[in-house]
Amino acid sequence: MPVTFPYFVGPSMMATEAIFMQQYQGQWLMLLGAAAVCWVVAAVILMSSALWQRLLGDKVLAAFERLMGMLITTLNSSDLCPRFTSP
């Protein structure tokens, strides 16, 4: 969550939306709707975190956190080393 949190509340959100607004001129309503859907999904996930912790348990959540960390690292390394990505 710390990686994505600044996108939802920080200046990077405004910068990303400004870039999208320039790329997709005239489609501001679609971009606003997409951002709203993302905010709602994130809010539901965050508000139900206690329920997920009770249902899954600490070991499963720890494994899931490690898996997501590996996924983020993989995505980041594919951006840094484009020659290792598939064509």
Protein backbone atom coordinates (compact mmCIF):
# COMPACT_ATOMS: atom_id res chain seq x y z
CA MET A 1 0.00 0.00 0.00
CA PRO A 2 2.74 2.59 0.67
CA VAL A 3 3.73 2.46 -3.02
CA THR A 4 0.26 3.30 -4.30
CA PHE A 5 -0.90 5.63 -1.53
CA PRO A 6 0.81 8.77 -2.91
CA TYR A 7 -1.00 8.24 -6.22
CA PHE A 8 -4.38 8.49 -4.52
CA VAL A 9 -3.67 11.58 -2.44
CA GLY A 10 -0.48 13.24 -3.65
CA PRO A 11 0.66 15.51 -6.44
CA SER A 12 1.39 12.52 -8.66
CA MET A 13 -2.38 11.99 -8.95
CA MET A 14 -2.84 15.49 -10.32
CA ALA A 15 0.17 15.12 -12.65
CA THR A 16 -1.06 11.79 -13.99
CA GLU A 17 -4.56 13.15 -14.56
CA ALA A 18 -3.11 16.22 -16.31
CA ILE A 19 -1.12 13.98 -18.67
CA PHE A 20 -4.17 11.84 -19.36
CA MET A 21 -6.30 14.95 -19.97
CA GLN A 22 -3.81 16.10 -22.58
CA GLN A 23 -3.63 12.68 -24.26
CA TYR A 24 -7.39 12.08 -24.23
CA GLN A 25 -8.80 15.51 -24.93
CA GLY A 26 -12.56 15.71 -24.74
CA GLN A 27 -12.87 12.56 -22.66
CA TRP A 28 -12.59 14.15 -19.22
CA LEU A 29 -15.79 12.50 -18.03
CA MET A 30 -14.37 9.02 -18.75
CA LEU A 31 -11.14 9.88 -16.92
CA LEU A 32 -13.03 11.27 -13.96
CA GLY A 33 -15.20 8.15 -13.85
CA ALA A 34 -12.14 5.86 -14.00
CA ALA A 35 -10.50 7.75 -11.12
CA ALA A 36 -13.73 7.59 -9.10
CA VAL A 37 -14.04 3.83 -9.66
CA CYS A 38 -10.43 3.32 -8.53
CA TRP A 39 -11.03 5.41 -5.41
CA VAL A 40 -14.18 3.45 -4.54
CA VAL A 41 -12.47 0.08 -5.04
CA ALA A 42 -9.51 1.18 -2.92
CA ALA A 43 -11.83 2.50 -0.21
CA VAL A 44 -13.78 -0.77 -0.07
CA ILE A 45 -10.58 -2.79 0.14
CA LEU A 46 -9.15 -0.60 2.89
CA MET A 47 -12.38 -0.54 4.89
CA SER A 48 -12.70 -4.31 4.75
CA SER A 49 -9.09 -5.00 5.76
CA ALA A 50 -10.03 -6.13 9.27
CA LEU A 51 -12.46 -8.65 7.81
CA TRP A 52 -9.81 -10.01 5.44
CA GLN A 53 -7.34 -10.33 8.28
CA ARG A 54 -9.85 -12.32 10.34
CA LEU A 55 -10.82 -14.57 7.42
CA LEU A 56 -7.37 -15.27 5.99
CA GLY A 57 -5.14 -15.08 9.04
CA ASP A 58 -1.73 -13.53 9.53
CA LYS A 59 0.29 -16.19 7.69
CA VAL A 60 -1.76 -15.95 4.50
CA LEU A 61 -1.65 -12.16 4.55
CA ALA A 62 2.12 -12.21 5.09
CA ALA A 63 2.51 -14.56 2.11
CA PHE A 64 0.26 -12.32 0.03
CA GLU A 65 2.32 -9.24 0.98
CA ARG A 66 5.52 -10.98 -0.09
CA LEU A 67 3.94 -12.08 -3.35
CA MET A 68 2.78 -8.54 -4.11
CA GLY A 69 6.24 -7.24 -3.27
CA MET A 70 7.75 -9.67 -5.78
CA LEU A 71 5.19 -8.62 -8.39
CA ILE A 72 5.98 -4.92 -7.90
CA THR A 73 9.71 -5.66 -8.09
CA THR A 74 9.19 -7.62 -11.30
CA LEU A 75 7.17 -4.84 -12.88
CA ASN A 76 9.76 -2.29 -11.83
CA SER A 77 12.67 -4.34 -13.19
CA SER A 78 10.92 -4.81 -16.53
CA ASP A 79 10.73 -1.00 -16.82
CA LEU A 80 14.41 -0.64 -15.95
CA CYS A 81 15.64 -3.44 -18.21
CA PRO A 82 13.47 -3.48 -21.34
CA ARG A 83 15.73 -5.97 -23.11
CA PHE A 84 14.56 -8.70 -20.73
CA THR A 85 10.89 -8.25 -21.55
CA SER A 86 9.11 -10.31 -24.14
CA PRO A 87 8.55 -8.72 -27.58
